[in-house]
Amino acid sequence: MSLHALGLNHTTAPLQMREKVTFAPDRICDALRDLTNGGRVKEAAILSTCNRTEIYFCGAEPLSVARWMEQVHALPERSLAPHT
C-alpha cells in the first residue's frame, strides 16, 4: 500500500488559491469522513493552516483525491493541477 501526499503551500500556490482550499476546523471531520467513506481512500489525514493545505492518504490515486478536493471546494476541474 502506498502513502501519498497532496498539497498546496506558499511556494506552490498563490494566496488566492490557498484560501480557496482551506478546511475550517469545524469542517475537517466531515471532510475526512467523506474522503474515507465509499472506499475512495483507506486512511487519511488533513493538515490545513494559513500557509498550506495537505492531505496524506493511502488507498487511492492522487488524481482522484485532487478531484475530490476540487469538488469539496467547488473549484473547476483540474484547477489544482498547476499547484500540486
Protein backbone atom coordinates (compact mmCIF):
# COMPACT_ATOMS: atom_id res chain seq x y z
CA MET A 1 0.00 0.00 0.00
CA SER A 2 1.36 3.43 -0.96
CA LEU A 3 1.24 6.57 1.12
CA HIS A 4 0.58 9.77 -0.84
CA ALA A 5 0.65 13.47 -0.03
CA LEU A 6 -1.30 16.07 -1.96
CA GLY A 7 -0.96 19.68 -1.03
CA LEU A 8 -0.60 23.33 -1.78
CA ASN A 9 1.70 25.65 0.12
CA HIS A 10 3.20 29.12 -0.01
CA THR A 11 5.81 28.04 -2.56
CA THR A 12 3.47 26.18 -4.93
CA ALA A 13 0.30 28.27 -4.96
CA PRO A 14 -0.66 31.94 -4.67
CA LEU A 15 -2.57 33.13 -1.61
CA GLN A 16 -5.84 33.37 -3.56
CA MET A 17 -5.71 29.63 -4.39
CA ARG A 18 -4.57 28.62 -0.89
CA GLU A 19 -7.54 30.48 0.60
CA LYS A 20 -9.93 28.52 -1.62
CA VAL A 21 -8.75 25.10 -0.40
CA THR A 22 -8.56 25.78 3.33
CA PHE A 23 -10.53 23.44 5.58
CA ALA A 24 -12.09 25.23 8.54
CA PRO A 25 -11.58 23.35 11.81
CA ASP A 26 -15.29 22.56 12.09
CA ARG A 27 -15.30 21.02 8.56
CA ILE A 28 -12.25 18.74 8.80
CA CYS A 29 -14.09 15.82 10.46
CA ASP A 30 -16.84 15.88 7.83
CA ALA A 31 -14.28 16.16 5.04
CA LEU A 32 -12.29 13.20 6.38
CA ARG A 33 -15.47 11.16 6.73
CA ASP A 34 -16.46 11.98 3.15
CA LEU A 35 -12.99 11.17 1.82
CA THR A 36 -12.76 7.81 3.59
CA ASN A 37 -16.35 6.66 3.02
CA GLY A 38 -17.18 4.65 -0.06
CA GLY A 39 -13.71 3.19 -0.46
CA ARG A 40 -12.18 6.32 -2.00
CA VAL A 41 -9.22 6.07 0.40
CA LYS A 42 -8.47 3.69 3.26
CA GLU A 43 -6.93 6.20 5.66
CA ALA A 44 -6.36 9.94 5.52
CA ALA A 45 -5.22 12.99 7.45
CA ILE A 46 -5.78 16.64 6.59
CA LEU A 47 -3.45 19.45 7.62
CA SER A 48 -4.81 22.92 6.95
CA THR A 49 -3.03 26.07 8.12
CA CYS A 50 -2.74 29.63 6.91
CA ASN A 51 0.15 28.70 4.60
CA ARG A 52 -0.77 25.23 3.40
CA THR A 53 -3.36 22.53 2.96
CA GLU A 54 -2.12 18.97 2.74
CA ILE A 55 -3.88 15.64 2.55
CA TYR A 56 -1.97 12.48 3.43
CA PHE A 57 -3.70 9.28 2.36
CA CYS A 58 -3.37 5.68 1.29
CA GLY A 59 -5.56 3.52 -0.87
CA ALA A 60 -6.23 5.82 -3.83
CA GLU A 61 -4.51 7.51 -6.69
CA PRO A 62 -3.58 11.15 -6.10
CA LEU A 63 -5.63 12.31 -9.09
CA SER A 64 -8.87 11.00 -7.59
CA VAL A 65 -8.15 12.82 -4.32
CA ALA A 66 -7.34 16.02 -6.23
CA ARG A 67 -10.72 15.74 -8.00
CA TRP A 68 -12.41 15.19 -4.61
CA MET A 69 -10.68 18.27 -3.20
CA GLU A 70 -11.84 20.36 -6.17
CA GLN A 71 -15.41 19.15 -5.68
CA VAL A 72 -15.39 19.82 -1.93
CA HIS A 73 -14.24 23.38 -2.51
CA ALA A 74 -16.41 23.94 -5.62
CA LEU A 75 -13.40 24.54 -7.87
CA PRO A 76 -13.26 23.90 -11.60
CA GLU A 77 -11.85 20.53 -12.61
CA ARG A 78 -8.07 20.46 -12.92
CA SER A 79 -7.69 23.87 -11.25
CA LEU A 80 -5.33 22.35 -8.65
CA ALA A 81 -3.05 20.69 -11.21
CA PRO A 82 -0.64 23.63 -11.65
CA HIS A 83 -0.17 23.90 -7.87
CA THR A 84 0.08 20.34 -6.56
